[in-house]
C-alpha atoms as a PDB file:
ATOM      1  CA  ILE A   1      14.024  11.915  -0.302  1.00  0.00           C
ATOM      2  CA  ASN A   2      13.622  10.432  -3.811  1.00  0.00           C
ATOM      3  CA  LYS A   3       9.952  11.363  -4.248  1.00  0.00           C
ATOM      4  CA  PHE A   4       7.837  12.262  -7.239  1.00  0.00           C
ATOM      5  CA  PRO A   5       6.826  15.916  -7.721  1.00  0.00           C
ATOM      6  CA  ILE A   6       3.491  16.838  -6.132  1.00  0.00           C
ATOM      7  CA  ALA A   7       1.131  19.445  -7.542  1.00  0.00           C
ATOM      8  CA  VAL A   8       0.431  22.214  -5.026  1.00  0.00           C
ATOM      9  CA  SER A   9      -2.222  24.862  -5.526  1.00  0.00           C
ATOM     10  CA  PRO A  10      -1.993  28.303  -3.854  1.00  0.00           C
ATOM     11  CA  ALA A  11      -4.854  27.357  -1.503  1.00  0.00           C
ATOM     12  CA  ASP A  12      -3.128  24.196  -0.212  1.00  0.00           C
ATOM     13  CA  ASN A  13      -1.358  24.048   3.130  1.00  0.00           C
ATOM     14  CA  LEU A  14       2.311  23.583   2.199  1.00  0.00           C
ATOM     15  CA  GLN A  15       3.334  21.999   5.522  1.00  0.00           C
ATOM     16  CA  GLU A  16       0.530  19.440   5.181  1.00  0.00           C
ATOM     17  CA  LYS A  17       1.734  18.508   1.673  1.00  0.00           C
ATOM     18  CA  ILE A  18       5.320  18.130   2.933  1.00  0.00           C
ATOM     19  CA  ASN A  19       4.238  15.856   5.788  1.00  0.00           C
ATOM     20  CA  GLU A  20       2.110  13.805   3.388  1.00  0.00           C
ATOM     21  CA  ALA A  21       5.062  13.354   1.010  1.00  0.00           C
ATOM     22  CA  LYS A  22       7.329  12.312   3.870  1.00  0.00           C
ATOM     23  CA  GLY A  23       4.749   9.781   5.036  1.00  0.00           C
ATOM     24  CA  THR A  24       4.361   7.967   1.716  1.00  0.00           C
ATOM     25  CA  ILE A  25       6.390   5.074   0.371  1.00  0.00           C
ATOM     26  CA  LYS A  26       7.062   4.055  -3.203  1.00  0.00           C
ATOM     27  CA  PHE A  27       7.377   0.465  -4.377  1.00  0.00           C
ATOM     28  CA  GLN A  28       9.579   0.177  -7.469  1.00  0.00           C
ATOM     29  CA  LEU A  29       8.621  -3.177  -8.968  1.00  0.00           C
ATOM     30  CA  LYS A  30      11.313  -4.183 -11.420  1.00  0.00           C
ATOM     31  CA  LYS A  31      12.973  -7.490 -12.236  1.00  0.00           C
ATOM     32  CA  VAL A  32      14.415  -7.849  -8.729  1.00  0.00           C
ATOM     33  CA  LEU A  33      13.984 -10.633  -6.206  1.00  0.00           C
ATOM     34  CA  CYS A  34      14.478  -8.473  -3.119  1.00  0.00           C
ATOM     35  CA  LEU A  35      12.770  -5.251  -2.088  1.00  0.00           C
ATOM     36  CA  GLY A  36      13.556  -3.004   0.877  1.00  0.00           C
ATOM     37  CA  VAL A  37      11.220  -0.252   2.038  1.00  0.00           C
ATOM     38  CA  ALA A  38      11.174   1.946   5.154  1.00  0.00           C
ATOM     39  CA  VAL A  39       7.692   1.697   6.677  1.00  0.00           C
ATOM     40  CA  ALA A  40       8.103   3.121  10.202  1.00  0.00           C
ATOM     41  CA  HIS A  41      10.424   5.102  12.449  1.00  0.00           C
ATOM     42  CA  ALA A  42      11.363   5.012  16.126  1.00  0.00           C
ATOM     43  CA  GLY A  43       9.019   7.889  17.003  1.00  0.00           C
ATOM     44  CA  LEU A  44       5.907   5.829  16.265  1.00  0.00           C
ATOM     45  CA  SER A  45       4.119   3.707  18.846  1.00  0.00           C
ATOM     46  CA  GLU A  46       4.109  -0.076  18.477  1.00  0.00           C
ATOM     47  CA  GLU A  47       0.490   0.001  17.278  1.00  0.00           C
ATOM     48  CA  GLU A  48       1.281   2.650  14.618  1.00  0.00           C
ATOM     49  CA  GLN A  49       4.284   0.621  13.453  1.00  0.00           C
ATOM     50  CA  ARG A  50       2.132  -2.533  13.239  1.00  0.00           C
ATOM     51  CA  GLN A  51      -0.513  -0.684  11.220  1.00  0.00           C
ATOM     52  CA  ASN A  52       2.103   0.736   8.823  1.00  0.00           C
ATOM     53  CA  ILE A  53       3.706  -2.664   8.295  1.00  0.00           C
ATOM     54  CA  THR A  54       0.357  -4.407   7.735  1.00  0.00           C
ATOM     55  CA  LEU A  55      -0.866  -1.745   5.327  1.00  0.00           C
ATOM     56  CA  SER A  56       2.420  -1.773   3.377  1.00  0.00           C
ATOM     57  CA  ILE A  57       2.483  -5.561   3.059  1.00  0.00           C
ATOM     58  CA  ASN A  58      -1.133  -5.762   1.902  1.00  0.00           C
ATOM     59  CA  PHE A  59      -0.571  -2.964  -0.616  1.00  0.00           C
ATOM     60  CA  LEU A  60       2.540  -4.704  -1.971  1.00  0.00           C
ATOM     61  CA  ALA A  61       0.620  -7.978  -2.337  1.00  0.00           C
ATOM     62  CA  SER A  62      -2.142  -6.150  -4.230  1.00  0.00           C
ATOM     63  CA  LEU A  63       0.414  -4.799  -6.740  1.00  0.00           C
ATOM     64  CA  LEU A  64       1.688  -8.244  -7.672  1.00  0.00           C
ATOM     65  CA  LYS A  65       0.040 -10.311 -10.427  1.00  0.00           C
ATOM     66  CA  LYS A  66      -0.518 -13.393  -8.273  1.00  0.00           C
ATOM     67  CA  ASN A  67      -0.895 -11.487  -4.989  1.00  0.00           C
ATOM     68  CA  TRP A  68       0.431 -13.531  -2.042  1.00  0.00           C
ATOM     69  CA  ASN A  69       1.558 -16.387  -4.313  1.00  0.00           C
ATOM     70  CA  ASN A  70       4.435 -14.193  -5.530  1.00  0.00           C
ATOM     71  CA  ILE A  71       5.730 -13.523  -1.997  1.00  0.00           C
ATOM     72  CA  ARG A  72       8.065 -16.171  -0.653  1.00  0.00           C
ATOM     73  CA  THR A  73       9.228 -14.543   2.598  1.00  0.00           C
ATOM     74  CA  LEU A  74       8.843 -11.231   4.424  1.00  0.00           C
ATOM     75  CA  ASN A  75      11.431  -9.987   6.879  1.00  0.00           C
ATOM     76  CA  ILE A  76      11.327  -6.965   9.136  1.00  0.00           C
ATOM     77  CA  LYS A  77      14.560  -5.290  10.179  1.00  0.00           C
ATOM     78  CA  THR A  78      15.504  -2.413  12.444  1.00  0.00           C
ATOM     79  CA  THR A  79      18.487  -0.222  11.683  1.00  0.00           C
ATOM     80  CA  MET A  80      20.968  -2.067  13.885  1.00  0.00           C
ATOM     81  CA  GLY A  81      19.062  -5.298  14.572  1.00  0.00           C
ATOM     82  CA  LYS A  82      18.908  -8.678  12.920  1.00  0.00           C
ATOM     83  CA  PRO A  83      16.147  -9.385  10.379  1.00  0.00           C
ATOM     84  CA  GLN A  84      13.084 -11.171  11.766  1.00  0.00           C
ATOM     85  CA  ARG A  85      11.012 -13.333   9.420  1.00  0.00           C
ATOM     86  CA  ILE A  86       7.322 -12.504   9.654  1.00  0.00           C
ATOM     87  CA  TYR A  87       6.037 -14.511   6.683  1.00  0.00           C
ATOM     88  CA  GLY A  88       7.234 -17.595   4.855  1.00  0.00           C
END
């Protein structure tokens, strides 16, 4: 899954922690011009997918020094589909 270790105390619900780790994404901001991140899956409703995409994009923009000025284009892509440009 390529996740960071998570501290778990004996009182924590282990299944809850596992689901939380599976539901998080990690942006690795390096000297790259392209970034690909999985933000939804086929089991989610359209509204849940839209919320995940919106939240992920806004969080990514907040990580960048110049916010939206550093984003040229945003594309969304399904596993077998063509990329669709949603910004830029």
